[in-house]
Amino acid sequence: MEASVPRHSPPIKLANLREKQLGQALSSPDGWDVVIIGGGATGLGAAVDSAARGYRTLLLEAHDFAKGTSSRSTKLIHGGVRYLASGQLSMVRHALAERERLLKNAPHVVHTLEFVIPSPGTVDKLYYWTGLKLYDWLAGKSQVPPARSLSRAEVNQRQPTLRPDRYGGGILYCDAQFDDARLAISLARTAIELGACVLNYVSVDKLLFDDGKVVGLEATDQFTMQSFSIRSKATINATGVFAERILTQDPSFEIGKVAVRPSQGIHLVLPQEFLPTQSALLIPKTDDGRVLFAIPWLGKTLIGTTDVPVQSIQLEPRAQNSEIDYLLEHVGRYLMHTPKREDVLSVFAGLRPLVDHRQSSSTTASMSREHHILCNPSGLISIIGGKWTTYRHMAEEVVDLAQQNASLMQVASTTANLQLVGASRTPVQPNSAPSLTSIPQRLACFGTEAASILELEAEDRQLAAVIHPESEHTYGELHWMLEHEMAVTIEDVLARRWRLLLLDARLAIKCAPPVARFMAACGQHDENWVAQQVKEFESLARGYLPENQN
C-alpha cells in the first residue's frame, strides 16, 4: 500500500535550482577561470576550493552528482589502519588530518564511530594495540577518542552477535563515518553559495584547442539536448575511472605514461539484527590479506569490501557472485547468525580509480590509494585516484596547479576551515537517540537546513506525509530536494538524496511510483513520464538485488 500523494503541494518548478544554474552557464560562454569536468568527490571539492578563492568556476557532470564511485564507498572517513602495515605513514597522517577537518566542517554528515577489533590471543592483541597507538599518535590532537584495550566481557557488550570463539578480548578504536552522496550534495550547494556554477546532466562532448592549448569545451544539456561552447583559462579533468575518455581527446597526451586501473569493491546491506549495536566490527584478517568491515549504517548493517581488478569500466557495475560469496563467508565466520543470500537487502558495487604507473606486477589491493595529478603540454590538468577522506587536500593541490598554469590571481586555499552548507556548531549524531530538542533523525543529514523542511511540513501538513508506509521519509523532504538539490530523476532521489536504493532495493522499488507522481506534479510532467521513470528505476534497482548479479 502506498501513502497518498499530496494533491495541493506548493507550485514549484522541477529542478528550480538546476534551471538557474543552466541559465548562468548558457549566458556566460566566456570568462570562466576554471572549468571542472566531473561531479564526484574530487570535482566537487575542486569547485568549492576554486570558488572560495574567487575564481569564476564552472563544473559539469554528465550524470548526477556522485552517480559513480563517490556514492558507493564504505562510508568511512579514516586514515586507513591497514596502510600502517605497509609503512605508508605519511598518507595515513594526511588522511587523519583531513578526518579532523571534516568532523568540524561537515558535522551533519560526518560523525565519529567506534570500531571493535576482536582478538583471540595476547600476541594478536598486542600487535593491534601497538598499531593503533601509532594511529593515534599520527592523528595528533584530535576530537576522536584514543584506542583502548577491551576485556572479553567488554567485547561481548559492544558486539553481542560476535561468535565467542573468535575473541578473548579486543581493541576499541575510533574513526569517522559519513554519508558519501549527502556530502557530495553539501559540496555542490557550498560551491554554488560561493558563486560557482554547478550542473548535473551536462555532458562534455569535446575539448577545444587553440594553438595546441586547451581553451574550453563543447557540452550538451542531457534534457534539452542544447549544445553550447565554454571558454576557460584552466580545465580540470576530475572524471575518476573515466579519466582516459577525456585524456585521449587531447593530442598532447602521452599514451602509456599513466593509466587508470579500475578495481571493483562491493558492499552488502543486511538487516540491523546482524549487528544490533552502535559499534562497527573490523575483521583484521581475510584469506586474501584484506580487512573486512561490518558497520551500522542508517539502521542497517553494511558489509564490505572486495578488491577485484576489472577490465571493463561501467557506469553501473555489477557484483560478481564470487564477491558476494566472499563477503558472506568471511563475515559468517565471525557472527553467531551466519547471513545468507536471502538476508541481503541490497548489493552495490563501485570502481576505484587506481593509478597504474605501468607496474604490471602490482595487484589492485597492493596499489596505493594516493592520488596523481597529470598536466598535459596542452594545459589540461587531470587528477586521478585518491579517496573521499582526502578530497579537500586533493582539490587544494589541483586548484593550486590550475592557478599557476593559467596565471590566475594568486589566492591561497581557504577550505581547511570552511564549513559546508548544512554544518552547525552542534554536531547531529545520526546513530544517537533523538532528544526532545533535536531534529528528527530522518533530517539529520540536512543539518541546519532541516528547520526549513520542518517549516514546509508545518505549513502544508500534506507534505508531512510519508512517501510509503514502510519509509520514514516525507514529501516535504522530497519537495526540498527538487527545489534546492537539483534532483531531476527518481533515481537521483531514491539512490543519492535518500539512500533507499542502497539500503533496501525492494523498498526503493515500492517507493518509486509515489515519488515519480509527486515529481511529475511539481514539474508538470505527464503520466508517460511517470511510467517511464518508474520502469527505468525498477530495471536499475533489480540490479541491486543479490539474485541478479553476475
Protein backbone atom coordinates (compact mmCIF):
# COMPACT_ATOMS: atom_id res chain seq x y z
CA MET A 1 0.00 0.00 0.00
CA GLU A 2 1.25 3.48 -0.87
CA ALA A 3 0.79 6.71 1.01
CA SER A 4 -1.40 9.13 -0.91
CA VAL A 5 0.43 11.71 -2.96
CA PRO A 6 -0.34 15.30 -1.86
CA ARG A 7 -2.66 16.96 -4.35
CA HIS A 8 -2.03 20.56 -3.34
CA SER A 9 1.72 20.68 -2.99
CA PRO A 10 3.30 24.14 -3.36
CA PRO A 11 3.66 25.02 -7.05
CA ILE A 12 7.39 24.68 -7.64
CA LYS A 13 9.01 24.02 -10.95
CA LEU A 14 11.01 20.81 -11.12
CA ALA A 15 14.76 21.27 -10.60
CA ASN A 16 14.38 25.01 -9.98
CA LEU A 17 17.99 25.46 -8.86
CA ARG A 18 19.31 23.48 -11.81
CA GLU A 19 17.50 25.68 -14.29
CA LYS A 20 19.06 28.76 -12.71
CA GLN A 21 22.48 27.15 -12.95
CA LEU A 22 21.93 26.14 -16.57
CA GLY A 23 20.82 29.65 -17.44
CA GLN A 24 24.01 31.00 -15.89
CA ALA A 25 26.17 28.64 -17.95
CA LEU A 26 24.36 29.42 -21.21
CA SER A 27 24.56 33.17 -20.68
CA SER A 28 28.28 33.11 -19.86
CA PRO A 29 30.16 31.30 -22.65
CA ASP A 30 33.33 33.28 -21.99
CA GLY A 31 35.24 34.44 -18.98
CA TRP A 32 35.45 31.26 -16.88
CA ASP A 33 38.65 30.96 -14.90
CA VAL A 34 38.30 27.28 -14.03
CA VAL A 35 36.12 24.64 -15.67
CA ILE A 36 35.88 21.25 -13.96
CA ILE A 37 34.71 18.10 -15.72
CA GLY A 38 33.22 15.59 -13.28
CA GLY A 39 30.88 15.94 -10.30
CA GLY A 40 32.15 13.32 -7.89
CA ALA A 41 34.11 13.90 -4.69
CA THR A 42 37.21 15.31 -6.40
CA GLY A 43 35.43 17.54 -8.89
CA LEU A 44 33.01 18.98 -6.34
CA GLY A 45 35.85 19.55 -3.91
CA ALA A 46 37.78 21.41 -6.61
CA ALA A 47 34.71 23.54 -7.39
CA VAL A 48 34.43 24.57 -3.73
CA ASP A 49 38.14 25.36 -3.48
CA SER A 50 38.19 27.32 -6.74
CA ALA A 51 35.06 29.32 -5.96
CA ALA A 52 36.28 30.06 -2.43
CA ARG A 53 39.36 31.71 -3.97
CA GLY A 54 37.14 33.98 -6.02
CA TYR A 55 37.68 32.31 -9.39
CA ARG A 56 34.82 32.15 -11.88
CA THR A 57 34.15 28.43 -11.65
CA LEU A 58 32.01 26.05 -13.71
CA LEU A 59 31.51 22.34 -13.01
CA LEU A 60 29.85 19.97 -15.47
CA GLU A 61 28.73 16.44 -14.58
CA ALA A 62 27.40 14.14 -17.32
CA HIS A 63 25.08 12.29 -14.94
CA ASP A 64 24.03 13.10 -11.37
CA PHE A 65 26.44 14.26 -8.70
CA ALA A 66 28.29 11.29 -7.17
CA LYS A 67 26.49 8.92 -9.56
CA GLY A 68 29.57 6.70 -9.83
CA THR A 69 32.26 5.71 -7.35
CA SER A 70 31.63 8.62 -4.99
CA SER A 71 28.27 7.27 -3.77
CA ARG A 72 29.43 3.64 -3.42
CA SER A 73 32.10 3.86 -0.72
CA THR A 74 32.36 2.06 2.62
CA LYS A 75 31.03 5.29 4.21
CA LEU A 76 34.21 5.81 6.24
CA ILE A 77 36.34 8.91 6.73
CA HIS A 78 39.55 7.37 8.00
CA GLY A 79 43.32 7.36 7.93
CA GLY A 80 43.47 3.77 6.76
CA VAL A 81 44.51 1.41 9.52
CA ARG A 82 45.63 -1.24 7.04
CA TYR A 83 48.20 1.10 5.46
CA LEU A 84 50.23 1.13 8.68
CA ALA A 85 51.46 -2.39 7.96
CA SER A 86 52.89 -1.27 4.60
CA GLY A 87 54.60 1.75 6.12
CA GLN A 88 52.52 4.41 4.32
CA LEU A 89 52.70 6.66 7.38
CA SER A 90 52.70 9.96 5.50
CA MET A 91 49.49 9.06 3.66
CA VAL A 92 47.86 7.98 6.93
CA ARG A 93 48.91 11.19 8.69
CA HIS A 94 47.48 13.38 5.90
CA ALA A 95 44.23 11.41 5.88
CA LEU A 96 43.84 11.71 9.65
CA ALA A 97 44.33 15.48 9.42
CA GLU A 98 41.56 15.61 6.82
CA ARG A 99 39.36 13.43 9.02
CA GLU A 100 39.63 16.07 11.73
CA ARG A 101 38.72 18.86 9.32
CA LEU A 102 35.67 17.01 8.03
CA LEU A 103 34.38 16.36 11.53
CA LYS A 104 34.49 20.13 12.10
CA ASN A 105 33.37 21.35 8.68
CA ALA A 106 30.57 18.86 7.94
CA PRO A 107 29.25 17.53 11.28
CA HIS A 108 25.79 16.97 9.78
CA VAL A 109 27.11 14.17 7.55
CA VAL A 110 30.34 13.11 9.31
CA HIS A 111 30.49 11.70 12.84
CA THR A 112 32.78 9.55 14.97
CA LEU A 113 32.28 5.79 15.03
CA GLU A 114 33.66 3.12 17.37
CA PHE A 115 35.32 0.02 15.94
CA VAL A 116 35.91 -3.25 17.77
CA ILE A 117 38.80 -5.48 16.67
CA PRO A 118 38.31 -8.93 18.22
CA SER A 119 41.50 -10.66 19.31
CA PRO A 120 41.76 -14.40 20.05
CA GLY A 121 45.02 -14.14 21.99
CA THR A 122 47.56 -11.87 23.68
CA VAL A 123 50.03 -11.74 20.77
CA ASP A 124 47.41 -10.55 18.27
CA LYS A 125 46.02 -8.09 20.77
CA LEU A 126 49.45 -6.58 21.41
CA TYR A 127 50.05 -6.29 17.66
CA TYR A 128 46.77 -4.42 17.08
CA TRP A 129 47.31 -2.29 20.18
CA THR A 130 50.75 -1.16 19.00
CA GLY A 131 49.49 -0.29 15.54
CA LEU A 132 46.51 1.67 16.82
CA LYS A 133 48.57 3.66 19.31
CA LEU A 134 50.74 4.65 16.33
CA TYR A 135 47.49 5.58 14.54
CA ASP A 136 46.51 7.80 17.49
CA TRP A 137 49.97 9.40 17.52
CA LEU A 138 49.78 10.17 13.80
CA ALA A 139 46.38 11.81 14.37
CA GLY A 140 47.89 14.26 16.87
CA LYS A 141 45.49 16.37 18.90
CA SER A 142 42.05 15.10 17.91
CA GLN A 143 38.43 15.13 18.95
CA VAL A 144 38.42 11.39 18.19
CA PRO A 145 38.95 9.29 21.37
CA PRO A 146 42.15 7.20 21.57
CA ALA A 147 42.28 3.42 21.23
CA ARG A 148 41.95 1.27 24.32
CA SER A 149 42.01 -2.36 25.34
CA LEU A 150 38.78 -4.33 25.80
CA SER A 151 38.21 -7.31 28.04
CA ARG A 152 36.23 -10.30 26.80
CA ALA A 153 33.15 -9.02 28.64
CA GLU A 154 33.52 -5.55 27.08
CA VAL A 155 33.79 -7.02 23.59
CA ASN A 156 30.63 -9.02 24.22
CA GLN A 157 28.84 -5.91 25.47
CA ARG A 158 29.67 -3.99 22.31
CA GLN A 159 29.31 -6.87 19.86
CA PRO A 160 26.75 -9.33 21.30
CA THR A 161 26.33 -11.14 17.96
CA LEU A 162 30.05 -11.92 17.68
CA ARG A 163 30.93 -15.62 17.98
CA PRO A 164 32.51 -16.26 21.42
CA ASP A 165 35.23 -18.50 19.97
CA ARG A 166 36.55 -15.57 17.93
CA TYR A 167 37.86 -13.46 20.79
CA GLY A 168 39.39 -13.47 24.22
CA GLY A 169 39.38 -9.69 24.27
CA GLY A 170 39.92 -6.93 21.78
CA ILE A 171 40.80 -3.35 20.94
CA LEU A 172 38.45 -0.39 20.65
CA TYR A 173 39.43 2.47 18.36
CA CYS A 174 37.56 5.30 16.69
CA ASP A 175 37.38 6.68 13.17
CA ALA A 176 34.61 8.54 11.37
CA GLN A 177 31.56 7.59 9.32
CA PHE A 178 29.74 9.67 6.72
CA ASP A 179 27.04 9.65 4.07
CA ASP A 180 29.02 9.96 0.85
CA ALA A 181 26.25 11.09 -1.51
CA ARG A 182 24.88 13.59 1.01
CA LEU A 183 28.37 15.05 1.46
CA ALA A 184 28.55 15.43 -2.32
CA ILE A 185 25.28 17.39 -2.30
CA SER A 186 26.60 19.61 0.51
CA LEU A 187 29.70 20.29 -1.58
CA ALA A 188 27.62 21.18 -4.64
CA ARG A 189 25.44 23.53 -2.59
CA THR A 190 28.51 25.10 -0.96
CA ALA A 191 30.19 25.72 -4.32
CA ILE A 192 27.03 27.41 -5.58
CA GLU A 193 26.80 29.61 -2.48
CA LEU A 194 30.40 30.65 -3.11
CA GLY A 195 29.48 31.74 -6.64
CA ALA A 196 30.28 28.67 -8.74
CA CYS A 197 28.01 27.37 -11.48
CA VAL A 198 27.47 23.65 -10.86
CA LEU A 199 25.47 21.46 -13.22
CA ASN A 200 24.47 17.82 -13.38
CA TYR A 201 23.33 16.10 -16.58
CA VAL A 202 25.56 18.14 -18.87
CA SER A 203 27.97 16.03 -20.91
CA VAL A 204 31.28 17.25 -22.29
CA ASP A 205 31.39 16.37 -25.99
CA LYS A 206 34.88 17.56 -26.86
CA LEU A 207 37.71 19.79 -25.76
CA LEU A 208 38.51 22.96 -27.67
CA PHE A 209 42.09 23.86 -28.58
CA ASP A 210 43.87 26.93 -29.89
CA ASP A 211 47.49 26.62 -30.99
CA GLY A 212 47.83 23.35 -29.09
CA LYS A 213 46.43 24.70 -25.84
CA VAL A 214 43.09 23.67 -24.33
CA VAL A 215 40.89 26.78 -24.20
CA GLY A 216 37.47 25.36 -23.47
CA LEU A 217 34.97 22.69 -24.37
CA GLU A 218 31.68 21.88 -26.04
CA ALA A 219 28.89 20.50 -23.86
CA THR A 220 25.29 19.32 -24.17
CA ASP A 221 22.43 19.51 -21.69
CA GLN A 222 21.04 15.97 -21.49
CA PHE A 223 17.42 17.06 -21.15
CA THR A 224 17.03 19.83 -23.72
CA MET A 225 19.85 18.43 -25.90
CA GLN A 226 21.01 22.01 -26.32
CA SER A 227 24.73 22.23 -27.09
CA PHE A 228 26.94 25.15 -26.15
CA SER A 229 30.59 26.15 -26.03
CA ILE A 230 32.53 27.26 -22.98
CA ARG A 231 35.84 29.12 -22.88
CA SER A 232 38.10 28.76 -19.86
CA LYS A 233 41.58 29.66 -18.65
CA ALA A 234 42.05 26.32 -16.86
CA THR A 235 40.36 22.96 -17.47
CA ILE A 236 40.43 20.20 -14.85
CA ASN A 237 39.55 16.59 -15.66
CA ALA A 238 38.14 15.00 -12.49
CA THR A 239 36.17 12.14 -14.03
CA GLY A 240 37.58 9.31 -11.91
CA VAL A 241 37.57 5.92 -13.63
CA PHE A 242 36.52 7.65 -16.86
CA ALA A 243 39.55 9.99 -16.89
CA GLU A 244 41.07 8.46 -20.02
CA ARG A 245 37.97 9.32 -22.06
CA ILE A 246 38.88 12.98 -21.59
CA LEU A 247 42.66 12.49 -21.67
CA THR A 248 42.60 10.74 -25.05
CA GLN A 249 40.80 13.72 -26.62
CA ASP A 250 44.00 15.69 -26.04
CA PRO A 251 46.59 15.19 -28.82
CA SER A 252 49.36 16.16 -26.40
CA PHE A 253 48.57 13.30 -24.02
CA GLU A 254 51.35 10.72 -23.99
CA ILE A 255 49.52 7.40 -24.16
CA GLY A 256 51.08 4.86 -21.84
CA LYS A 257 52.52 7.41 -19.42
CA VAL A 258 49.83 6.78 -16.84
CA ALA A 259 46.57 4.88 -16.84
CA VAL A 260 43.53 4.21 -14.71
CA ARG A 261 43.45 0.65 -13.45
CA PRO A 262 39.96 0.16 -12.01
CA SER A 263 39.35 -2.10 -9.06
CA GLN A 264 35.86 -3.17 -8.03
CA GLY A 265 34.68 -3.13 -4.45
CA ILE A 266 31.23 -4.35 -3.47
CA HIS A 267 29.14 -3.99 -0.33
CA LEU A 268 26.25 -5.97 1.09
CA VAL A 269 23.49 -4.44 3.18
CA LEU A 270 21.88 -6.66 5.81
CA PRO A 271 19.15 -6.06 8.42
CA GLN A 272 20.24 -4.39 11.64
CA GLU A 273 19.77 -7.60 13.63
CA PHE A 274 23.12 -8.89 12.36
CA LEU A 275 24.93 -6.00 14.09
CA PRO A 276 22.44 -4.52 16.61
CA THR A 277 24.91 -2.08 18.18
CA GLN A 278 26.38 1.37 17.66
CA SER A 279 29.90 -0.07 17.25
CA ALA A 280 31.40 -1.32 14.00
CA LEU A 281 33.34 -4.55 13.65
CA LEU A 282 36.73 -4.76 11.96
CA ILE A 283 37.74 -8.24 10.85
CA PRO A 284 41.53 -7.94 10.66
CA LYS A 285 42.38 -10.98 8.55
CA THR A 286 40.77 -12.42 5.44
CA ASP A 287 42.01 -15.15 3.11
CA ASP A 288 43.49 -12.60 0.69
CA GLY A 289 45.05 -10.36 3.33
CA ARG A 290 42.40 -7.65 3.38
CA VAL A 291 40.48 -6.26 6.30
CA LEU A 292 36.69 -6.50 6.38
CA PHE A 293 34.18 -4.12 7.94
CA ALA A 294 30.72 -4.71 9.38
CA ILE A 295 29.26 -1.28 10.08
CA PRO A 296 25.97 0.08 11.45
CA TRP A 297 24.65 2.46 8.78
CA LEU A 298 21.28 4.22 8.71
CA GLY A 299 19.53 1.43 10.59
CA LYS A 300 21.10 -1.39 8.59
CA THR A 301 24.35 -3.39 8.61
CA LEU A 302 26.88 -2.61 5.88
CA ILE A 303 29.43 -5.31 4.96
CA GLY A 304 32.48 -4.59 2.81
CA THR A 305 34.55 -4.69 0.83
CA THR A 306 36.26 -6.58 -2.00
CA ASP A 307 39.14 -5.62 -4.29
CA VAL A 308 38.83 -7.21 -7.73
CA PRO A 309 40.54 -5.92 -10.90
CA VAL A 310 38.11 -5.28 -13.76
CA GLN A 311 38.74 -4.81 -17.45
CA SER A 312 35.50 -3.08 -18.41
CA ILE A 313 34.55 0.29 -16.92
CA GLN A 314 30.78 0.51 -16.42
CA LEU A 315 28.63 3.31 -15.05
CA GLU A 316 26.56 0.67 -13.23
CA PRO A 317 28.99 -2.12 -12.28
CA ARG A 318 27.51 -5.37 -11.01
CA ALA A 319 28.82 -7.52 -8.20
CA GLN A 320 30.26 -10.89 -9.10
CA ASN A 321 28.68 -13.86 -7.37
CA SER A 322 32.13 -14.80 -6.10
CA GLU A 323 32.39 -11.41 -4.37
CA ILE A 324 29.05 -11.89 -2.62
CA ASP A 325 30.08 -15.37 -1.50
CA TYR A 326 33.42 -13.98 -0.27
CA LEU A 327 31.77 -11.38 1.97
CA LEU A 328 29.09 -13.72 3.29
CA GLU A 329 31.64 -16.42 4.05
CA HIS A 330 34.12 -14.15 5.84
CA VAL A 331 31.60 -12.23 7.92
CA GLY A 332 29.83 -15.51 8.68
CA ARG A 333 32.97 -16.78 10.37
CA TYR A 334 32.60 -14.06 13.00
CA LEU A 335 28.84 -13.71 13.52
CA MET A 336 26.73 -16.16 15.53
CA HIS A 337 23.98 -15.99 12.91
CA THR A 338 25.56 -16.61 9.52
CA PRO A 339 23.98 -14.33 6.89
CA LYS A 340 22.58 -15.95 3.76
CA ARG A 341 21.86 -14.53 0.33
CA GLU A 342 18.19 -14.24 1.18
CA ASP A 343 19.10 -11.90 4.05
CA VAL A 344 20.74 -9.37 1.73
CA LEU A 345 18.64 -6.24 1.24
CA SER A 346 20.87 -4.64 -1.36
CA VAL A 347 24.19 -5.17 -3.16
CA PHE A 348 26.12 -2.27 -4.62
CA ALA A 349 29.41 -2.11 -6.49
CA GLY A 350 31.82 0.74 -7.14
CA LEU A 351 35.02 1.14 -9.15
CA ARG A 352 38.13 2.59 -7.55
CA PRO A 353 40.16 4.76 -9.96
CA LEU A 354 43.60 3.44 -9.02
CA VAL A 355 46.61 4.93 -10.78
CA ASP A 356 48.71 2.48 -12.79
CA HIS A 357 52.29 3.61 -13.39
CA ARG A 358 52.78 0.57 -15.63
CA GLN A 359 53.96 -1.65 -12.82
CA SER A 360 52.06 -4.63 -14.15
CA SER A 361 53.10 -6.93 -11.32
CA SER A 362 51.11 -4.95 -8.78
CA THR A 363 47.75 -6.26 -7.63
CA THR A 364 45.00 -3.70 -7.16
CA ALA A 365 44.92 -4.49 -3.44
CA SER A 366 48.58 -3.52 -3.13
CA MET A 367 48.35 -0.40 -5.31
CA SER A 368 48.46 2.91 -3.49
CA ARG A 369 45.26 4.88 -2.89
CA GLU A 370 47.22 8.12 -3.22
CA HIS A 371 46.18 10.47 -6.00
CA HIS A 372 48.09 11.52 -9.09
CA ILE A 373 47.91 14.88 -10.87
CA LEU A 374 48.87 14.99 -14.53
CA CYS A 375 49.35 18.17 -16.57
CA ASN A 376 49.48 17.72 -20.33
CA PRO A 377 51.51 20.07 -22.58
CA SER A 378 48.15 21.45 -23.72
CA GLY A 379 47.44 22.67 -20.19
CA LEU A 380 44.75 20.06 -19.48
CA ILE A 381 45.00 19.04 -15.82
CA SER A 382 43.80 15.60 -14.75
CA ILE A 383 43.52 14.30 -11.20
CA ILE A 384 43.19 10.54 -10.72
CA GLY A 385 42.96 8.27 -7.71
CA GLY A 386 42.66 9.24 -4.06
CA LYS A 387 39.71 8.70 -1.76
CA TRP A 388 36.87 10.59 -0.10
CA THR A 389 38.81 11.28 3.09
CA THR A 390 41.41 13.37 1.27
CA TYR A 391 39.15 15.02 -1.31
CA ARG A 392 39.73 18.52 0.15
CA HIS A 393 43.51 18.23 0.10
CA MET A 394 43.39 16.85 -3.46
CA ALA A 395 41.20 19.76 -4.52
CA GLU A 396 43.59 22.27 -2.99
CA GLU A 397 46.52 20.74 -4.87
CA VAL A 398 44.81 20.65 -8.24
CA VAL A 399 43.50 24.23 -7.97
CA ASP A 400 46.98 25.38 -6.91
CA LEU A 401 48.28 23.90 -10.17
CA ALA A 402 45.48 25.49 -12.20
CA GLN A 403 46.27 28.84 -10.58
CA GLN A 404 49.92 28.50 -11.54
CA ASN A 405 49.43 27.23 -15.10
CA ALA A 406 46.68 29.68 -16.05
CA SER A 407 48.32 32.66 -14.32
CA LEU A 408 45.24 33.24 -12.19
CA MET A 409 45.16 35.72 -9.34
CA GLN A 410 47.36 34.37 -6.53
CA VAL A 411 44.99 33.33 -3.75
CA ALA A 412 45.62 30.65 -1.13
CA SER A 413 43.09 27.92 -0.40
CA THR A 414 40.69 28.64 2.46
CA THR A 415 38.81 25.36 2.60
CA ALA A 416 40.64 23.85 5.59
CA ASN A 417 38.34 25.81 7.89
CA LEU A 418 35.36 26.29 5.58
CA GLN A 419 32.10 24.88 6.93
CA LEU A 420 29.87 23.32 4.31
CA VAL A 421 26.22 24.11 3.72
CA GLY A 422 24.21 22.45 6.48
CA ALA A 423 27.02 22.46 9.03
CA SER A 424 26.27 23.59 12.55
CA ARG A 425 28.36 24.06 15.65
CA THR A 426 26.40 21.36 17.45
CA PRO A 427 27.01 18.07 15.62
CA VAL A 428 24.00 15.87 14.94
CA GLN A 429 24.90 12.23 15.57
CA PRO A 430 22.98 10.03 13.09
CA ASN A 431 23.39 6.93 15.26
CA SER A 432 22.34 8.54 18.53
CA ALA A 433 18.88 8.54 20.06
CA PRO A 434 16.98 11.77 19.34
CA SER A 435 16.20 14.09 22.22
CA LEU A 436 13.23 16.40 22.57
CA THR A 437 15.31 19.30 21.30
CA SER A 438 16.97 17.51 18.38
CA ILE A 439 15.69 17.39 14.84
CA PRO A 440 14.16 14.13 13.57
CA GLN A 441 16.79 11.58 12.64
CA ARG A 442 15.44 11.41 9.10
CA LEU A 443 16.57 15.03 8.70
CA ALA A 444 19.97 14.74 10.41
CA CYS A 445 21.84 14.79 7.09
CA PHE A 446 20.32 18.19 6.23
CA GLY A 447 21.90 19.81 9.28
CA THR A 448 20.85 23.43 9.73
CA GLU A 449 18.55 23.20 6.69
CA ALA A 450 16.33 20.67 8.47
CA ALA A 451 14.46 23.56 10.06
CA SER A 452 13.37 24.78 6.63
CA ILE A 453 11.99 21.35 5.77
CA LEU A 454 10.07 21.20 9.04
CA GLU A 455 8.61 24.63 8.24
CA LEU A 456 7.43 23.35 4.86
CA GLU A 457 5.74 20.39 6.54
CA ALA A 458 4.15 22.63 9.18
CA GLU A 459 2.75 25.00 6.54
CA ASP A 460 1.28 22.16 4.47
CA ARG A 461 0.51 19.06 6.53
CA GLN A 462 0.20 17.00 3.36
CA LEU A 463 3.93 17.42 2.93
CA ALA A 464 4.46 15.82 6.34
CA ALA A 465 3.00 12.55 5.00
CA VAL A 466 5.44 9.70 4.42
CA ILE A 467 6.02 8.61 0.83
CA HIS A 468 5.34 4.96 1.73
CA PRO A 469 4.13 3.21 4.91
CA GLU A 470 7.45 1.35 5.20
CA SER A 471 9.53 4.53 4.90
CA GLU A 472 10.06 7.41 7.32
CA HIS A 473 10.80 9.90 4.51
CA THR A 474 8.26 12.60 3.69
CA TYR A 475 7.04 14.62 0.76
CA GLY A 476 8.44 17.68 2.50
CA GLU A 477 11.95 16.26 2.13
CA LEU A 478 11.24 15.42 -1.50
CA HIS A 479 9.96 18.94 -2.14
CA TRP A 480 13.21 20.35 -0.74
CA MET A 481 15.35 18.04 -2.88
CA LEU A 482 13.58 19.06 -6.06
CA GLU A 483 13.80 22.76 -5.37
CA HIS A 484 17.23 23.05 -3.75
CA GLU A 485 19.29 19.94 -4.53
CA MET A 486 18.90 19.54 -8.30
CA ALA A 487 17.23 16.13 -8.12
CA VAL A 488 15.85 15.53 -11.60
CA THR A 489 15.02 11.82 -11.78
CA ILE A 490 13.58 9.41 -9.24
CA GLU A 491 16.95 7.66 -9.22
CA ASP A 492 18.55 10.92 -8.04
CA VAL A 493 16.11 10.92 -5.13
CA LEU A 494 16.00 7.25 -4.17
CA ALA A 495 19.68 6.45 -4.71
CA ARG A 496 21.53 9.60 -3.63
CA ARG A 497 19.36 12.29 -1.95
CA TRP A 498 17.86 9.48 0.11
CA ARG A 499 19.83 6.22 0.24
CA LEU A 500 16.90 3.84 -0.14
CA LEU A 501 18.27 2.02 -3.18
CA LEU A 502 21.45 1.11 -1.33
CA LEU A 503 19.68 0.34 1.94
CA ASP A 504 16.80 -1.79 0.66
CA ALA A 505 16.36 -2.21 -3.09
CA ARG A 506 12.91 -3.80 -2.79
CA LEU A 507 11.59 -0.94 -0.67
CA ALA A 508 13.08 1.55 -3.12
CA ILE A 509 11.08 -0.10 -5.91
CA LYS A 510 7.90 0.27 -3.83
CA CYS A 511 8.63 3.96 -3.28
CA ALA A 512 9.27 4.72 -6.95
CA PRO A 513 5.64 5.33 -8.09
CA PRO A 514 4.65 7.89 -5.41
CA VAL A 515 7.97 9.70 -5.79
CA ALA A 516 7.53 9.86 -9.57
CA ARG A 517 3.95 11.14 -9.31
CA PHE A 518 4.92 13.89 -6.88
CA MET A 519 7.83 14.92 -9.10
CA ALA A 520 5.52 14.96 -12.11
CA ALA A 521 3.04 17.21 -10.32
CA CYS A 522 5.80 19.63 -9.36
CA GLY A 523 7.46 19.58 -12.77
CA GLN A 524 4.32 19.47 -14.89
CA HIS A 525 5.17 16.09 -16.40
CA ASP A 526 2.55 13.68 -17.74
CA GLU A 527 1.71 10.06 -16.96
CA ASN A 528 4.03 8.85 -19.72
CA TRP A 529 6.94 10.49 -17.88
CA VAL A 530 5.87 8.80 -14.64
CA ALA A 531 5.60 5.39 -16.30
CA GLN A 532 8.97 5.74 -18.00
CA GLN A 533 10.71 6.90 -14.82
CA VAL A 534 9.28 4.03 -12.79
CA LYS A 535 10.17 1.49 -15.49
CA GLU A 536 13.77 2.72 -15.74
CA PHE A 537 14.22 2.82 -11.99
CA GLU A 538 12.79 -0.65 -11.44
CA SER A 539 15.18 -2.00 -14.06
CA LEU A 540 18.09 -0.30 -12.30
CA ALA A 541 17.01 -1.39 -8.82
CA ARG A 542 16.71 -5.05 -9.79
CA GLY A 543 20.45 -4.91 -10.41
CA TYR A 544 20.93 -4.22 -6.69
CA LEU A 545 19.20 -7.44 -5.65
CA PRO A 546 21.52 -10.36 -4.80
CA GLU A 547 19.79 -12.76 -7.17
CA ASN A 548 20.56 -10.55 -10.18
CA GLN A 549 24.35 -10.30 -10.00
CA ASN A 550 26.93 -11.60 -12.47
